[in-house]
Each structure stands twice: as C-alpha cells, then as structure tokens.
Amino acid sequence: MDFTGKALLAPLSTFTNLPFRLLCQKYGADGSTVPLISARALCMRKSPVLELDPDPSEKSVGVQIFGYTPKDIGEAAKIIAKKYDFIEYIDINCACPVKKVVATGAGSALLKKPATVVKMINSASECCLPVTVKIRKLETNKKTLDFCKKCEKAGATAIFIHGRYPEQYYSGDSDWGVIKYIAENISVPVIGSGDIKTISEGDERVAYSKCTAFMIGRAAMKNPSVFSGGSGTELKNKKAIFHDYLAICESYDRIEFTDLKSKAVQFFTGFANSVRIRRKAALSKTYDELLAAIENDY
C-alpha cells in the first residue's frame, strides 16, 4: 500500500458509492475508500456486509469503519478482510462529526479517547491488513500530534487528517498548518484533506505540508472530472459526466432513482442556468422526467 503522490477521493457517507468511486477513477482518481460502515452492524447482522460495495476493479480501495468498542472494530475488520481479499486497508474513523455517530461514542468522539483508539488499532490489525486512522484536528497542534503518535506506535500504517475541528463541520478554512506539523513529526504517511478544489491545489498543499498525498471530497461531488484537471463549468461537460455515471450504474445494475437525482443536483452547478436545471432535476418524479430535465437545451 503506497499513497505517495496520489490524489484520492475522500470517503463521503451515502455519496461515494461504488459507481461514483469508479466515475472519479475514470477521471483520474488514484484510489478511494468505502465510507463509514458501522462495525456494530457488521458484527450483529449479515445484511450490512452484503451491502458493502467494494469492487476488484477499484484502485487502492480501503474500507472505513466506525464504532466505539475495540472488539466490534476488530471483528468487523476480520469480516471485511475475509469477504474481500482485494481490500488494501481498513480505516478507523475518528473524524466524523455527525451528532448521531458522535452520540454513540464513535467518530470524532474518539479523539478524546486515544487509549480506546490504540486498542482498536491493535484489534483491527489482527485481520492482517494495514490499518489506517482518519482524524480531525484536536484543540492544539501538540494534542493532535500526541494522538497521532499513539496511533503510530499502536501500528497504524497511515493517518488521514482533515484540517478542521469536528465542531466546524465544513465551515471556515481547513488548517493545513496542523497537517504540516503532523507530517513533519511522525514517520508514517500523512494524507491531508480540506478545501482542495483542483489537482494543482492538492500538489501545492503536498509541497507545503510535506504530507504524502491528498484527498478531494466536496469538490469532486460537483465535478468528478477534477481528478483529470477538468473545470466542469460547461453544460456539455456536465452532461457527459452524468451519462458516464449513468453508464457505470447500468453496468453494475445500480440504477437508483434517488441516487441519480442526488448526483444530478450536485453535478449541474457552476454555469449559466444551472439553478434551473437543478430545480427541475430535484422536482422530477420519474426517471424519464429526470433525464428530460438534464437533456433539454437551456
């Protein structure tokens, strides 16, 4: 598993499904992560593991799990590793700020429980896959570094860092200073994320921070061609992207009307009359209405 110099698609719960991950890889993304799978659900029922959607055709794919006990994390990692022998790593989420996740003691709540995270890394490592950890920044750079060092000592093979406090969600600016501080003071790869809108911006952030790689999230939601340097500001390009997505969905038997609407509302932004198209797409009641909203000349 080598992240060096890679431009990765950030895991975004409910949005970065298999067709979207493959779409971004078609446009140049070097890898991705199956987002935010409940470790407890994997341990308690068969259906969650059946709903996992990694595919052998993906590049550098990992699976991100969340939970609040080392036992659940360890068992979930073993279940995933056994079912999918092409998975490259297991990522433990210590970053999600969503209240329903934090309320269980998972996600960013774990930033206050480094001893528990150490046990999670130890437990997950028994699956014999590399284990990574996704975090956000803590109250100070030193506390963030202390947390990362404990993860590194426990056996984490890489740290993914989003440069905001959990309480910020996606407001304000991402702090690449803390990412630089961590990258300069630990020996495992650091993959930074936050506010990257183009590949050139990502390369600049890597050069500045000395981190190993970068992730693009929200910018890719609106413009999956960002990974190949596409601006995604012309209607014809937006239509091409949507039809590429539709073709992938069809080839994997993953046509879901609600999902297509969600993608259309995100894709069709940043050009004249984009509001009109998004409104029509959002109000569409059928697959044919959705396609008509997209295909009409504006």
C-alpha atoms as a PDB file:
ATOM      1  CA  MET A   1       0.000   0.000   0.000  1.00  0.00           C
ATOM      2  CA  ASP A   2       1.729   3.143  -1.228  1.00  0.00           C
ATOM      3  CA  PHE A   3      -0.057   6.500  -1.070  1.00  0.00           C
ATOM      4  CA  THR A   4       2.895   8.531  -2.336  1.00  0.00           C
ATOM      5  CA  GLY A   5       1.828  11.334  -4.655  1.00  0.00           C
ATOM      6  CA  LYS A   6      -1.720  10.076  -5.001  1.00  0.00           C
ATOM      7  CA  ALA A   7      -4.863  12.151  -5.497  1.00  0.00           C
ATOM      8  CA  LEU A   8      -7.543  10.234  -3.623  1.00  0.00           C
ATOM      9  CA  LEU A   9     -11.316  10.536  -3.447  1.00  0.00           C
ATOM     10  CA  ALA A  10     -12.335  11.292   0.129  1.00  0.00           C
ATOM     11  CA  PRO A  11     -14.999   9.000   1.627  1.00  0.00           C
ATOM     12  CA  LEU A  12     -18.331  10.839   1.907  1.00  0.00           C
ATOM     13  CA  SER A  13     -21.109   8.911   3.579  1.00  0.00           C
ATOM     14  CA  THR A  14     -24.005   7.938   1.252  1.00  0.00           C
ATOM     15  CA  PHE A  15     -22.463   9.822  -1.703  1.00  0.00           C
ATOM     16  CA  THR A  16     -19.271   7.988  -2.644  1.00  0.00           C
ATOM     17  CA  ASN A  17     -20.923   4.719  -3.592  1.00  0.00           C
ATOM     18  CA  LEU A  18     -19.281   2.263  -5.992  1.00  0.00           C
ATOM     19  CA  PRO A  19     -20.488   3.917  -9.241  1.00  0.00           C
ATOM     20  CA  PHE A  20     -19.297   7.321  -8.053  1.00  0.00           C
ATOM     21  CA  ARG A  21     -15.931   5.977  -6.932  1.00  0.00           C
ATOM     22  CA  LEU A  22     -15.482   4.295 -10.314  1.00  0.00           C
ATOM     23  CA  LEU A  23     -16.535   7.504 -12.076  1.00  0.00           C
ATOM     24  CA  CYS A  24     -13.882   9.502 -10.213  1.00  0.00           C
ATOM     25  CA  GLN A  25     -11.302   6.826 -11.014  1.00  0.00           C
ATOM     26  CA  LYS A  26     -12.300   7.017 -14.683  1.00  0.00           C
ATOM     27  CA  TYR A  27     -11.399  10.698 -14.454  1.00  0.00           C
ATOM     28  CA  GLY A  28      -8.084  10.074 -12.741  1.00  0.00           C
ATOM     29  CA  ALA A  29      -8.575   9.486  -9.007  1.00  0.00           C
ATOM     30  CA  ASP A  30      -5.796   7.216  -7.745  1.00  0.00           C
ATOM     31  CA  GLY A  31      -7.895   5.479  -5.113  1.00  0.00           C
ATOM     32  CA  SER A  32     -10.818   5.726  -2.727  1.00  0.00           C
ATOM     33  CA  THR A  33     -12.343   4.403   0.471  1.00  0.00           C
ATOM     34  CA  VAL A  34     -15.722   2.749   1.024  1.00  0.00           C
ATOM     35  CA  PRO A  35     -17.204   5.213   3.530  1.00  0.00           C
ATOM     36  CA  LEU A  36     -18.399   4.854   7.105  1.00  0.00           C
ATOM     37  CA  ILE A  37     -19.576   1.303   7.725  1.00  0.00           C
ATOM     38  CA  SER A  38     -20.895   0.525  11.212  1.00  0.00           C
ATOM     39  CA  ALA A  39     -18.697  -2.056  12.935  1.00  0.00           C
ATOM     40  CA  ARG A  40     -21.504  -2.996  15.319  1.00  0.00           C
ATOM     41  CA  ALA A  41     -23.924  -3.564  12.431  1.00  0.00           C
ATOM     42  CA  LEU A  42     -21.386  -5.790  10.668  1.00  0.00           C
ATOM     43  CA  CYS A  43     -20.966  -7.857  13.814  1.00  0.00           C
ATOM     44  CA  MET A  44     -24.678  -8.140  14.616  1.00  0.00           C
ATOM     45  CA  ARG A  45     -26.233  -8.877  11.207  1.00  0.00           C
ATOM     46  CA  LYS A  46     -25.372 -10.369   7.831  1.00  0.00           C
ATOM     47  CA  SER A  47     -27.078  -7.717   5.733  1.00  0.00           C
ATOM     48  CA  PRO A  48     -24.550  -4.871   6.277  1.00  0.00           C
ATOM     49  CA  VAL A  49     -21.662  -6.903   4.902  1.00  0.00           C
ATOM     50  CA  LEU A  50     -23.804  -7.831   1.899  1.00  0.00           C
ATOM     51  CA  GLU A  51     -24.440  -4.120   1.349  1.00  0.00           C
ATOM     52  CA  LEU A  52     -20.737  -3.303   1.238  1.00  0.00           C
ATOM     53  CA  ASP A  53     -19.796  -2.378  -2.312  1.00  0.00           C
ATOM     54  CA  PRO A  54     -16.034  -2.556  -2.912  1.00  0.00           C
ATOM     55  CA  ASP A  55     -15.094  -3.983  -6.290  1.00  0.00           C
ATOM     56  CA  PRO A  56     -11.901  -5.632  -7.572  1.00  0.00           C
ATOM     57  CA  SER A  57     -11.722  -3.113 -10.415  1.00  0.00           C
ATOM     58  CA  GLU A  58     -11.163  -0.247  -7.970  1.00  0.00           C
ATOM     59  CA  LYS A  59      -7.709   1.195  -7.436  1.00  0.00           C
ATOM     60  CA  SER A  60      -6.191   1.288  -3.935  1.00  0.00           C
ATOM     61  CA  VAL A  61      -9.528   0.696  -2.248  1.00  0.00           C
ATOM     62  CA  GLY A  62      -9.954   0.542   1.514  1.00  0.00           C
ATOM     63  CA  VAL A  63     -12.978   0.248   3.784  1.00  0.00           C
ATOM     64  CA  GLN A  64     -13.721   2.781   6.516  1.00  0.00           C
ATOM     65  CA  ILE A  65     -15.413   1.503   9.675  1.00  0.00           C
ATOM     66  CA  PHE A  66     -16.741   3.293  12.725  1.00  0.00           C
ATOM     67  CA  GLY A  67     -17.578   2.049  16.178  1.00  0.00           C
ATOM     68  CA  TYR A  68     -16.986   2.588  19.866  1.00  0.00           C
ATOM     69  CA  THR A  69     -15.522  -0.701  21.110  1.00  0.00           C
ATOM     70  CA  PRO A  70     -12.241  -2.346  20.101  1.00  0.00           C
ATOM     71  CA  LYS A  71     -14.000  -5.725  19.977  1.00  0.00           C
ATOM     72  CA  ASP A  72     -16.504  -4.562  17.337  1.00  0.00           C
ATOM     73  CA  ILE A  73     -13.784  -2.866  15.308  1.00  0.00           C
ATOM     74  CA  GLY A  74     -11.626  -5.991  15.367  1.00  0.00           C
ATOM     75  CA  GLU A  75     -14.434  -8.372  14.438  1.00  0.00           C
ATOM     76  CA  ALA A  76     -15.674  -6.070  11.667  1.00  0.00           C
ATOM     77  CA  ALA A  77     -12.177  -5.824  10.201  1.00  0.00           C
ATOM     78  CA  LYS A  78     -11.916  -9.622  10.108  1.00  0.00           C
ATOM     79  CA  ILE A  79     -15.324  -9.954   8.424  1.00  0.00           C
ATOM     80  CA  ILE A  80     -14.347  -7.442   5.729  1.00  0.00           C
ATOM     81  CA  ALA A  81     -10.892  -8.931   5.140  1.00  0.00           C
ATOM     82  CA  LYS A  82     -12.325 -12.428   4.829  1.00  0.00           C
ATOM     83  CA  LYS A  83     -15.021 -11.429   2.332  1.00  0.00           C
ATOM     84  CA  TYR A  84     -12.932  -9.092   0.180  1.00  0.00           C
ATOM     85  CA  ASP A  85      -9.405 -10.323  -0.438  1.00  0.00           C
ATOM     86  CA  PHE A  86      -8.599  -7.335  -2.671  1.00  0.00           C
ATOM     87  CA  ILE A  87      -9.129  -4.692   0.021  1.00  0.00           C
ATOM     88  CA  GLU A  88      -5.858  -2.844   0.670  1.00  0.00           C
ATOM     89  CA  TYR A  89      -6.536  -1.384   4.124  1.00  0.00           C
ATOM     90  CA  ILE A  90      -9.024  -0.878   6.934  1.00  0.00           C
ATOM     91  CA  ASP A  91      -9.597   2.727   8.002  1.00  0.00           C
ATOM     92  CA  ILE A  92     -10.849   3.518  11.515  1.00  0.00           C
ATOM     93  CA  ASN A  93     -12.966   6.666  11.517  1.00  0.00           C
ATOM     94  CA  CYS A  94     -12.126   9.083  14.331  1.00  0.00           C
ATOM     95  CA  ALA A  95     -13.266  12.130  12.378  1.00  0.00           C
ATOM     96  CA  CYS A  96     -16.995  12.024  11.644  1.00  0.00           C
ATOM     97  CA  PRO A  97     -18.661  14.991  13.420  1.00  0.00           C
ATOM     98  CA  VAL A  98     -22.276  13.911  12.766  1.00  0.00           C
ATOM     99  CA  LYS A  99     -24.186  14.004  16.050  1.00  0.00           C
ATOM    100  CA  LYS A 100     -25.827  10.587  15.750  1.00  0.00           C
ATOM    101  CA  VAL A 101     -22.391   8.999  15.249  1.00  0.00           C
ATOM    102  CA  VAL A 102     -20.665  11.026  17.974  1.00  0.00           C
ATOM    103  CA  ALA A 103     -23.502  10.296  20.429  1.00  0.00           C
ATOM    104  CA  THR A 104     -22.618   6.584  20.311  1.00  0.00           C
ATOM    105  CA  GLY A 105     -19.004   7.324  21.242  1.00  0.00           C
ATOM    106  CA  ALA A 106     -17.775   6.750  17.689  1.00  0.00           C
ATOM    107  CA  GLY A 107     -16.406   9.102  15.033  1.00  0.00           C
ATOM    108  CA  SER A 108     -14.806  12.282  16.347  1.00  0.00           C
ATOM    109  CA  ALA A 109     -15.805  11.365  19.916  1.00  0.00           C
ATOM    110  CA  LEU A 110     -12.811   9.006  19.808  1.00  0.00           C
ATOM    111  CA  LEU A 111     -10.425  11.961  19.563  1.00  0.00           C
ATOM    112  CA  LYS A 112     -10.937  12.280  23.326  1.00  0.00           C
ATOM    113  CA  LYS A 113     -10.235   8.575  23.873  1.00  0.00           C
ATOM    114  CA  PRO A 114      -6.778   7.800  22.451  1.00  0.00           C
ATOM    115  CA  ALA A 115      -6.377   4.725  24.678  1.00  0.00           C
ATOM    116  CA  THR A 116      -9.518   3.225  23.122  1.00  0.00           C
ATOM    117  CA  VAL A 117      -8.265   4.016  19.628  1.00  0.00           C
ATOM    118  CA  VAL A 118      -4.963   2.276  20.401  1.00  0.00           C
ATOM    119  CA  LYS A 119      -6.907  -0.846  21.378  1.00  0.00           C
ATOM    120  CA  MET A 120      -8.988  -0.540  18.197  1.00  0.00           C
ATOM    121  CA  ILE A 121      -5.856  -0.429  16.049  1.00  0.00           C
ATOM    122  CA  ASN A 122      -4.438  -3.454  17.857  1.00  0.00           C
ATOM    123  CA  SER A 123      -7.695  -5.346  17.437  1.00  0.00           C
ATOM    124  CA  ALA A 124      -8.184  -4.422  13.783  1.00  0.00           C
ATOM    125  CA  SER A 125      -4.588  -5.355  12.954  1.00  0.00           C
ATOM    126  CA  GLU A 126      -5.441  -8.992  13.669  1.00  0.00           C
ATOM    127  CA  CYS A 127      -7.203  -9.093  10.284  1.00  0.00           C
ATOM    128  CA  CYS A 128      -3.719  -8.930   8.708  1.00  0.00           C
ATOM    129  CA  LEU A 129      -4.497  -5.871   6.590  1.00  0.00           C
ATOM    130  CA  PRO A 130      -2.860  -2.456   7.065  1.00  0.00           C
ATOM    131  CA  VAL A 131      -4.860  -0.263   9.446  1.00  0.00           C
ATOM    132  CA  THR A 132      -5.172   3.485   8.940  1.00  0.00           C
ATOM    133  CA  VAL A 133      -6.877   6.149  11.051  1.00  0.00           C
ATOM    134  CA  LYS A 134      -8.925   9.155   9.890  1.00  0.00           C
ATOM    135  CA  ILE A 135      -8.923  12.143  12.268  1.00  0.00           C
ATOM    136  CA  ARG A 136      -9.700  15.820  12.523  1.00  0.00           C
ATOM    137  CA  LYS A 137      -7.536  18.278  14.417  1.00  0.00           C
ATOM    138  CA  LEU A 138      -7.728  18.485  18.191  1.00  0.00           C
ATOM    139  CA  GLU A 139      -7.623  21.580  20.411  1.00  0.00           C
ATOM    140  CA  THR A 140      -3.920  22.195  19.775  1.00  0.00           C
ATOM    141  CA  ASN A 141      -1.267  21.000  17.342  1.00  0.00           C
ATOM    142  CA  LYS A 142       0.519  19.248  20.208  1.00  0.00           C
ATOM    143  CA  LYS A 143      -2.583  17.309  21.228  1.00  0.00           C
ATOM    144  CA  THR A 144      -3.152  16.341  17.603  1.00  0.00           C
ATOM    145  CA  LEU A 145       0.449  15.148  17.332  1.00  0.00           C
ATOM    146  CA  ASP A 146       0.242  13.219  20.613  1.00  0.00           C
ATOM    147  CA  PHE A 147      -2.856  11.435  19.325  1.00  0.00           C
ATOM    148  CA  CYS A 148      -1.154  10.597  16.020  1.00  0.00           C
ATOM    149  CA  LYS A 149       1.987   9.336  17.742  1.00  0.00           C
ATOM    150  CA  LYS A 150      -0.095   6.961  19.853  1.00  0.00           C
ATOM    151  CA  CYS A 151      -1.780   5.682  16.697  1.00  0.00           C
ATOM    152  CA  GLU A 152       1.589   5.273  15.012  1.00  0.00           C
ATOM    153  CA  LYS A 153       3.025   3.376  17.990  1.00  0.00           C
ATOM    154  CA  ALA A 154      -0.030   1.098  18.038  1.00  0.00           C
ATOM    155  CA  GLY A 155       0.631   0.093  14.428  1.00  0.00           C
ATOM    156  CA  ALA A 156      -1.381   2.499  12.262  1.00  0.00           C
ATOM    157  CA  THR A 157       0.234   2.494   8.828  1.00  0.00           C
ATOM    158  CA  ALA A 158      -1.073   5.920   7.744  1.00  0.00           C
ATOM    159  CA  ILE A 159      -3.003   8.881   9.140  1.00  0.00           C
ATOM    160  CA  PHE A 160      -5.694  10.715   7.185  1.00  0.00           C
ATOM    161  CA  ILE A 161      -6.163  14.256   8.536  1.00  0.00           C
ATOM    162  CA  HIS A 162      -8.932  16.734   7.787  1.00  0.00           C
ATOM    163  CA  GLY A 163      -7.734  20.138   8.958  1.00  0.00           C
ATOM    164  CA  ARG A 164     -10.828  21.273  10.841  1.00  0.00           C
ATOM    165  CA  TYR A 165     -12.149  20.773  14.355  1.00  0.00           C
ATOM    166  CA  PRO A 166     -15.134  18.409  14.498  1.00  0.00           C
ATOM    167  CA  GLU A 167     -17.318  21.301  15.657  1.00  0.00           C
ATOM    168  CA  GLN A 168     -16.592  23.180  12.428  1.00  0.00           C
ATOM    169  CA  TYR A 169     -18.096  20.505  10.195  1.00  0.00           C
ATOM    170  CA  TYR A 170     -17.107  22.133   6.852  1.00  0.00           C
ATOM    171  CA  SER A 171     -17.210  25.785   7.860  1.00  0.00           C
ATOM    172  CA  GLY A 172     -14.190  28.074   7.982  1.00  0.00           C
ATOM    173  CA  ASP A 173     -10.859  27.180   6.435  1.00  0.00           C
ATOM    174  CA  SER A 174      -9.036  23.870   6.664  1.00  0.00           C
ATOM    175  CA  ASP A 175      -5.844  24.251   8.707  1.00  0.00           C
ATOM    176  CA  TRP A 176      -3.007  22.858   6.619  1.00  0.00           C
ATOM    177  CA  GLY A 177      -0.554  24.113   9.234  1.00  0.00           C
ATOM    178  CA  VAL A 178      -1.541  21.282  11.568  1.00  0.00           C
ATOM    179  CA  ILE A 179      -1.257  18.787   8.709  1.00  0.00           C
ATOM    180  CA  LYS A 180       2.276  20.073   8.035  1.00  0.00           C
ATOM    181  CA  TYR A 181       3.123  19.822  11.745  1.00  0.00           C
ATOM    182  CA  ILE A 182       1.990  16.198  11.912  1.00  0.00           C
ATOM    183  CA  ALA A 183       3.704  15.207   8.663  1.00  0.00           C
ATOM    184  CA  GLU A 184       6.997  16.627   9.921  1.00  0.00           C
ATOM    185  CA  ASN A 185       6.832  14.801  13.231  1.00  0.00           C
ATOM    186  CA  ILE A 186       5.666  11.242  12.537  1.00  0.00           C
ATOM    187  CA  SER A 187       7.164   8.591  10.299  1.00  0.00           C
ATOM    188  CA  VAL A 188       4.040   7.019   8.775  1.00  0.00           C
ATOM    189  CA  PRO A 189       2.383   8.571   5.711  1.00  0.00           C
ATOM    190  CA  VAL A 190       0.055  11.508   6.297  1.00  0.00           C
ATOM    191  CA  ILE A 191      -2.749  12.155   3.813  1.00  0.00           C
ATOM    192  CA  GLY A 192      -4.234  15.632   4.070  1.00  0.00           C
ATOM    193  CA  SER A 193      -7.659  16.930   3.141  1.00  0.00           C
ATOM    194  CA  GLY A 194      -9.763  20.038   3.300  1.00  0.00           C
ATOM    195  CA  ASP A 195     -10.612  22.794   0.789  1.00  0.00           C
ATOM    196  CA  ILE A 196      -8.771  21.272  -2.187  1.00  0.00           C
ATOM    197  CA  LYS A 197     -10.640  22.188  -5.365  1.00  0.00           C
ATOM    198  CA  THR A 198      -8.097  21.274  -8.060  1.00  0.00           C
ATOM    199  CA  ILE A 199      -5.221  18.862  -8.600  1.00  0.00           C
ATOM    200  CA  SER A 200      -2.783  21.782  -8.718  1.00  0.00           C
ATOM    201  CA  GLU A 201      -4.041  22.983  -5.333  1.00  0.00           C
ATOM    202  CA  GLY A 202      -3.534  19.474  -3.987  1.00  0.00           C
ATOM    203  CA  ASP A 203       0.018  19.357  -5.310  1.00  0.00           C
ATOM    204  CA  GLU A 204       0.718  22.760  -3.755  1.00  0.00           C
ATOM    205  CA  ARG A 205      -0.628  21.602  -0.375  1.00  0.00           C
ATOM    206  CA  VAL A 206       1.514  18.466  -0.507  1.00  0.00           C
ATOM    207  CA  ALA A 207       4.596  20.542  -1.329  1.00  0.00           C
ATOM    208  CA  TYR A 208       3.820  22.927   1.529  1.00  0.00           C
ATOM    209  CA  SER A 209       2.914  20.369   4.177  1.00  0.00           C
ATOM    210  CA  LYS A 210       5.325  17.604   3.170  1.00  0.00           C
ATOM    211  CA  CYS A 211       2.453  15.139   3.545  1.00  0.00           C
ATOM    212  CA  THR A 212       2.353  12.017   1.382  1.00  0.00           C
ATOM    213  CA  ALA A 213      -0.863  12.547  -0.561  1.00  0.00           C
ATOM    214  CA  PHE A 214      -4.132  14.449  -0.581  1.00  0.00           C
ATOM    215  CA  MET A 215      -7.854  13.776  -0.761  1.00  0.00           C
ATOM    216  CA  ILE A 216     -10.578  15.668  -2.605  1.00  0.00           C
ATOM    217  CA  GLY A 217     -14.133  15.438  -1.310  1.00  0.00           C
ATOM    218  CA  ARG A 218     -16.725  18.173  -1.779  1.00  0.00           C
ATOM    219  CA  ALA A 219     -15.150  19.495  -4.994  1.00  0.00           C
ATOM    220  CA  ALA A 220     -15.427  16.026  -6.519  1.00  0.00           C
ATOM    221  CA  MET A 221     -19.127  15.862  -5.651  1.00  0.00           C
ATOM    222  CA  LYS A 222     -19.749  18.752  -8.015  1.00  0.00           C
ATOM    223  CA  ASN A 223     -17.047  17.900 -10.530  1.00  0.00           C
ATOM    224  CA  PRO A 224     -15.726  14.325 -10.686  1.00  0.00           C
ATOM    225  CA  SER A 225     -13.501  15.376 -13.599  1.00  0.00           C
ATOM    226  CA  VAL A 226     -11.460  17.445 -11.130  1.00  0.00           C
ATOM    227  CA  PHE A 227      -9.051  14.497 -10.950  1.00  0.00           C
ATOM    228  CA  SER A 228      -8.129  14.925 -14.615  1.00  0.00           C
ATOM    229  CA  GLY A 229      -7.932  18.705 -14.404  1.00  0.00           C
ATOM    230  CA  GLY A 230     -11.424  19.311 -15.786  1.00  0.00           C
ATOM    231  CA  SER A 231     -13.075  22.572 -14.742  1.00  0.00           C
ATOM    232  CA  GLY A 232     -16.582  21.158 -15.041  1.00  0.00           C
ATOM    233  CA  THR A 233     -18.035  24.562 -15.872  1.00  0.00           C
ATOM    234  CA  GLU A 234     -19.665  23.813 -19.231  1.00  0.00           C
ATOM    235  CA  LEU A 235     -23.089  22.248 -19.642  1.00  0.00           C
ATOM    236  CA  LYS A 236     -21.913  19.765 -22.280  1.00  0.00           C
ATOM    237  CA  ASN A 237     -19.212  18.528 -19.898  1.00  0.00           C
ATOM    238  CA  LYS A 238     -21.739  18.177 -17.091  1.00  0.00           C
ATOM    239  CA  LYS A 239     -23.993  16.121 -19.337  1.00  0.00           C
ATOM    240  CA  ALA A 240     -21.071  13.905 -20.356  1.00  0.00           C
ATOM    241  CA  ILE A 241     -20.163  13.328 -16.705  1.00  0.00           C
ATOM    242  CA  PHE A 242     -23.745  12.448 -15.792  1.00  0.00           C
ATOM    243  CA  HIS A 243     -24.036   9.997 -18.694  1.00  0.00           C
ATOM    244  CA  ASP A 244     -20.719   8.415 -17.743  1.00  0.00           C
ATOM    245  CA  TYR A 245     -22.129   7.960 -14.249  1.00  0.00           C
ATOM    246  CA  LEU A 246     -25.368   6.535 -15.635  1.00  0.00           C
ATOM    247  CA  ALA A 247     -23.439   4.058 -17.808  1.00  0.00           C
ATOM    248  CA  ILE A 248     -21.461   2.823 -14.791  1.00  0.00           C
ATOM    249  CA  CYS A 249     -24.665   2.428 -12.779  1.00  0.00           C
ATOM    250  CA  GLU A 250     -26.200   0.423 -15.612  1.00  0.00           C
ATOM    251  CA  SER A 251     -23.159  -1.825 -15.996  1.00  0.00           C
ATOM    252  CA  TYR A 252     -23.207  -2.659 -12.281  1.00  0.00           C
ATOM    253  CA  ASP A 253     -27.020  -2.903 -12.074  1.00  0.00           C
ATOM    254  CA  ARG A 254     -27.055   0.040  -9.660  1.00  0.00           C
ATOM    255  CA  ILE A 255     -29.727   2.286 -11.174  1.00  0.00           C
ATOM    256  CA  GLU A 256     -31.383   4.023  -8.213  1.00  0.00           C
ATOM    257  CA  PHE A 257     -33.624   6.994  -8.954  1.00  0.00           C
ATOM    258  CA  THR A 258     -32.986   8.804  -5.659  1.00  0.00           C
ATOM    259  CA  ASP A 259     -29.248   8.429  -6.124  1.00  0.00           C
ATOM    260  CA  LEU A 260     -29.381   9.719  -9.700  1.00  0.00           C
ATOM    261  CA  LYS A 261     -31.302  12.785  -8.540  1.00  0.00           C
ATOM    262  CA  SER A 262     -28.761  13.400  -5.808  1.00  0.00           C
ATOM    263  CA  LYS A 263     -25.878  13.181  -8.258  1.00  0.00           C
ATOM    264  CA  ALA A 264     -27.616  15.406 -10.821  1.00  0.00           C
ATOM    265  CA  VAL A 265     -28.261  18.121  -8.241  1.00  0.00           C
ATOM    266  CA  GLN A 266     -24.560  18.113  -7.356  1.00  0.00           C
ATOM    267  CA  PHE A 267     -23.146  17.763 -10.868  1.00  0.00           C
ATOM    268  CA  PHE A 268     -25.147  20.519 -12.564  1.00  0.00           C
ATOM    269  CA  THR A 269     -23.601  23.563 -10.892  1.00  0.00           C
ATOM    270  CA  GLY A 270     -21.272  26.372 -11.861  1.00  0.00           C
ATOM    271  CA  PHE A 271     -22.642  27.516 -15.234  1.00  0.00           C
ATOM    272  CA  ALA A 272     -25.426  29.690 -16.673  1.00  0.00           C
ATOM    273  CA  ASN A 273     -28.949  28.374 -15.920  1.00  0.00           C
ATOM    274  CA  SER A 274     -27.559  25.708 -13.587  1.00  0.00           C
ATOM    275  CA  VAL A 275     -30.114  26.648 -10.914  1.00  0.00           C
ATOM    276  CA  ARG A 276     -32.932  25.971 -13.368  1.00  0.00           C
ATOM    277  CA  ILE A 277     -31.611  22.511 -14.231  1.00  0.00           C
ATOM    278  CA  ARG A 278     -31.052  21.564 -10.594  1.00  0.00           C
ATOM    279  CA  ARG A 279     -34.538  22.677  -9.667  1.00  0.00           C
ATOM    280  CA  LYS A 280     -36.114  20.622 -12.441  1.00  0.00           C
ATOM    281  CA  ALA A 281     -33.967  17.626 -11.552  1.00  0.00           C
ATOM    282  CA  ALA A 282     -34.850  17.903  -7.862  1.00  0.00           C
ATOM    283  CA  LEU A 283     -38.576  18.133  -8.648  1.00  0.00           C
ATOM    284  CA  SER A 284     -38.582  15.220 -11.073  1.00  0.00           C
ATOM    285  CA  LYS A 285     -40.828  12.312 -10.085  1.00  0.00           C
ATOM    286  CA  THR A 286     -39.658   9.709 -12.572  1.00  0.00           C
ATOM    287  CA  TYR A 287     -36.502   8.560 -14.316  1.00  0.00           C
ATOM    288  CA  ASP A 288     -37.769   9.965 -17.644  1.00  0.00           C
ATOM    289  CA  GLU A 289     -38.527  13.350 -16.067  1.00  0.00           C
ATOM    290  CA  LEU A 290     -35.026  13.460 -14.623  1.00  0.00           C
ATOM    291  CA  LEU A 291     -33.420  12.717 -17.992  1.00  0.00           C
ATOM    292  CA  ALA A 292     -35.650  15.315 -19.671  1.00  0.00           C
ATOM    293  CA  ALA A 293     -34.573  17.927 -17.132  1.00  0.00           C
ATOM    294  CA  ILE A 294     -30.947  17.220 -17.966  1.00  0.00           C
ATOM    295  CA  GLU A 295     -31.252  16.822 -21.745  1.00  0.00           C
ATOM    296  CA  ASN A 296     -33.329  19.923 -22.502  1.00  0.00           C
ATOM    297  CA  ASP A 297     -31.444  22.753 -24.209  1.00  0.00           C
ATOM    298  CA  TYR A 298     -31.014  25.787 -21.999  1.00  0.00           C
END
